[in-house]
Amino acid sequence: MTFEARTERRPGMAVVAFTGDLDIASEADAAAALAAALDDVEVLVADLRELSFLDSTGVRVLIAADLEARERGVRFAVARADGMVRRLLDVTRLDQRFPVVDAPEDVGGAGPGGPETGGPEAARAEATGPEAAGHQAGKPAAGGPTEPGPAASERGAAQ
């Protein structure tokens, strides 16, 4: 199937919608489209809702775009597809790295603001929070320390 990337600019946001197969054959086009969309935005969304196929190469493209966005202070998110694309996003737990939403409109905060509005500070807060390290409430990440963390009352007091 042919691959296509279309970029739509909205106030403070760019949405790069992919159709077709995101694999090794389309990797360069997808990466270039995401990189070009990073200019002059606060939020970048990779819209995968019309994508029919995604493999590990495509996952790598998304992770690289997230890294580049973070370096520029841009919040990165993915609008998920159904079927195997959704399953791959779930299995790889990418939702712990960046927001995975049902539609681009679900990404809060295009525009100035902090974590409350989903602006660039929210992306940085998410990147440094326990979820970014793979932690679940009160559970260490796989391969992490085996000692229990702070009690729930201590965590609440620290926040």
Protein backbone atom coordinates (compact mmCIF):
# COMPACT_ATOMS: atom_id res chain seq x y z
CA MET A 1 0.00 0.00 0.00
CA THR A 2 1.25 3.51 -0.70
CA PHE A 3 2.24 5.83 2.11
CA GLU A 4 1.23 9.45 2.45
CA ALA A 5 1.88 12.12 5.08
CA ARG A 6 -0.30 15.24 5.19
CA THR A 7 0.37 18.12 7.57
CA GLU A 8 -2.40 20.31 8.89
CA ARG A 9 -1.49 23.44 10.84
CA ARG A 10 -3.76 24.68 13.60
CA PRO A 11 -3.11 27.48 16.11
CA GLY A 12 -0.11 26.27 18.14
CA MET A 13 -0.42 22.74 16.76
CA ALA A 14 0.59 20.67 13.78
CA VAL A 15 -1.10 17.38 12.92
CA VAL A 16 0.74 15.01 10.60
CA ALA A 17 -1.75 12.44 9.32
CA PHE A 18 -0.35 9.21 7.92
CA THR A 19 -2.11 6.83 5.55
CA GLY A 20 -0.92 3.50 4.21
CA ASP A 21 1.99 1.55 5.66
CA LEU A 22 4.58 3.08 8.00
CA ASP A 23 7.51 0.72 7.64
CA ILE A 24 11.09 0.74 6.37
CA ALA A 25 9.99 1.84 2.90
CA SER A 26 8.25 4.97 4.23
CA GLU A 27 10.52 5.70 7.22
CA ALA A 28 12.37 8.63 5.63
CA ASP A 29 9.17 10.31 4.39
CA ALA A 30 7.46 9.94 7.78
CA ALA A 31 10.47 11.24 9.70
CA ALA A 32 10.86 14.20 7.34
CA ALA A 33 7.18 15.12 7.63
CA LEU A 34 7.31 15.06 11.43
CA ALA A 35 10.57 17.03 11.56
CA ALA A 36 9.23 19.71 9.20
CA ALA A 37 6.06 20.06 11.27
CA LEU A 38 8.01 20.92 14.44
CA ASP A 39 8.63 24.52 13.42
CA ASP A 40 6.62 27.18 15.27
CA VAL A 41 4.29 24.83 17.17
CA GLU A 42 3.74 23.91 20.80
CA VAL A 43 2.06 20.58 20.08
CA LEU A 44 2.83 18.00 17.38
CA VAL A 45 0.42 15.12 16.80
CA ALA A 46 1.17 12.09 14.65
CA ASP A 47 -2.28 11.02 13.46
CA LEU A 48 -2.23 7.26 12.85
CA ARG A 49 -6.00 6.79 12.53
CA GLU A 50 -5.79 6.07 8.78
CA LEU A 51 -2.62 4.02 8.99
CA SER A 52 -3.08 0.42 7.87
CA PHE A 53 0.28 -0.96 9.01
CA LEU A 54 2.92 -0.03 11.58
CA ASP A 55 6.07 -2.02 12.37
CA SER A 56 9.08 -1.50 14.61
CA THR A 57 10.57 0.94 12.11
CA GLY A 58 7.46 3.10 12.45
CA VAL A 59 7.66 2.87 16.23
CA ARG A 60 11.25 4.10 16.00
CA VAL A 61 10.08 7.06 13.86
CA LEU A 62 7.56 8.01 16.57
CA ILE A 63 10.14 7.75 19.35
CA ALA A 64 12.64 9.84 17.38
CA ALA A 65 9.98 12.49 16.74
CA ASP A 66 9.17 12.57 20.45
CA LEU A 67 12.85 13.03 21.33
CA GLU A 68 13.24 15.86 18.80
CA ALA A 69 10.04 17.50 20.04
CA ARG A 70 11.24 17.39 23.66
CA GLU A 71 14.56 18.98 22.65
CA ARG A 72 12.60 21.85 21.11
CA GLY A 73 10.13 22.18 23.99
CA VAL A 74 7.26 20.83 21.89
CA ARG A 75 4.68 18.42 23.25
CA PHE A 76 4.34 15.25 21.13
CA ALA A 77 1.32 12.97 21.01
CA VAL A 78 -0.14 10.23 18.83
CA ALA A 79 -3.72 9.79 17.67
CA ARG A 80 -4.13 6.02 17.62
CA ALA A 81 -5.67 3.81 15.00
CA ASP A 82 -7.64 0.64 15.49
CA GLY A 83 -6.62 -2.94 14.80
CA MET A 84 -3.00 -3.97 14.65
CA VAL A 85 -1.69 -0.40 14.86
CA ARG A 86 -3.52 0.14 18.13
CA ARG A 87 -2.34 -3.24 19.41
CA LEU A 88 1.30 -2.39 18.63
CA LEU A 89 0.99 0.93 20.48
CA ASP A 90 -0.54 -0.91 23.46
CA VAL A 91 2.03 -3.72 23.52
CA THR A 92 4.98 -1.34 23.28
CA ARG A 93 3.45 0.82 26.04
CA LEU A 94 4.23 3.99 24.14
CA ASP A 95 1.44 5.69 26.07
CA GLN A 96 3.90 5.83 28.97
CA ARG A 97 6.32 7.83 26.82
CA PHE A 98 3.89 10.29 25.23
CA PRO A 99 0.12 10.81 25.17
CA VAL A 100 -1.77 8.37 22.94
CA VAL A 101 -5.24 9.76 22.27
CA ASP A 102 -8.27 8.90 20.16
CA ALA A 103 -8.15 12.11 18.09
CA PRO A 104 -5.82 15.12 17.72
CA GLU A 105 -8.46 17.31 19.36
CA ASP A 106 -8.00 15.27 22.55
CA VAL A 107 -4.49 16.63 23.06
CA GLY A 108 -4.90 19.52 25.42
CA GLY A 109 -3.08 22.72 25.45
CA ALA A 110 -2.04 24.06 22.11
CA GLY A 111 -1.17 27.53 23.24
CA PRO A 112 0.83 28.94 26.11
CA GLY A 113 0.61 27.33 29.48
CA GLY A 114 1.91 24.86 31.94
CA PRO A 115 0.81 21.37 32.90
CA GLU A 116 -2.80 22.42 33.48
CA THR A 117 -3.25 23.36 29.83
CA GLY A 118 -1.02 20.71 28.33
CA GLY A 119 1.61 23.15 27.06
CA PRO A 120 5.33 22.40 26.78
CA GLU A 121 5.74 22.30 30.56
CA ALA A 122 3.26 19.42 30.64
CA ALA A 123 5.45 17.45 28.25
CA ARG A 124 8.46 18.06 30.46
CA ALA A 125 6.49 17.17 33.61
CA GLU A 126 5.29 13.96 31.97
CA ALA A 127 8.82 13.12 30.85
CA THR A 128 10.18 13.43 34.37
CA GLY A 129 7.29 11.87 36.30
CA PRO A 130 7.27 8.28 37.57
CA GLU A 131 5.20 7.13 34.60
CA ALA A 132 8.02 8.14 32.25
CA ALA A 133 10.31 5.71 34.05
CA GLY A 134 7.82 2.89 33.61
CA HIS A 135 6.57 2.98 37.18
CA GLN A 136 3.01 2.17 38.06
CA ALA A 137 1.47 3.48 41.25
CA GLY A 138 3.74 2.20 43.98
CA LYS A 139 5.42 -0.47 41.82
CA PRO A 140 9.06 -0.27 40.70
CA ALA A 141 9.87 -0.47 37.03
CA ALA A 142 11.02 -3.82 35.72
CA GLY A 143 14.65 -4.22 36.67
CA GLY A 144 14.33 -1.29 39.13
CA PRO A 145 15.01 -1.26 42.84
CA THR A 146 13.36 -3.95 44.90
CA GLU A 147 12.91 -1.87 48.05
CA PRO A 148 9.44 -0.41 48.41
CA GLY A 149 9.13 3.25 47.56
CA PRO A 150 7.62 5.88 49.84
CA ALA A 151 4.28 5.05 51.36
CA ALA A 152 1.23 6.50 49.68
CA SER A 153 0.89 9.08 52.47
CA GLU A 154 4.50 10.19 51.91
CA ARG A 155 3.97 10.45 48.13
CA GLY A 156 0.87 12.55 48.68
CA ALA A 157 2.74 14.88 51.05
CA ALA A 158 5.58 15.32 48.57
CA GLN A 159 3.25 16.48 45.81
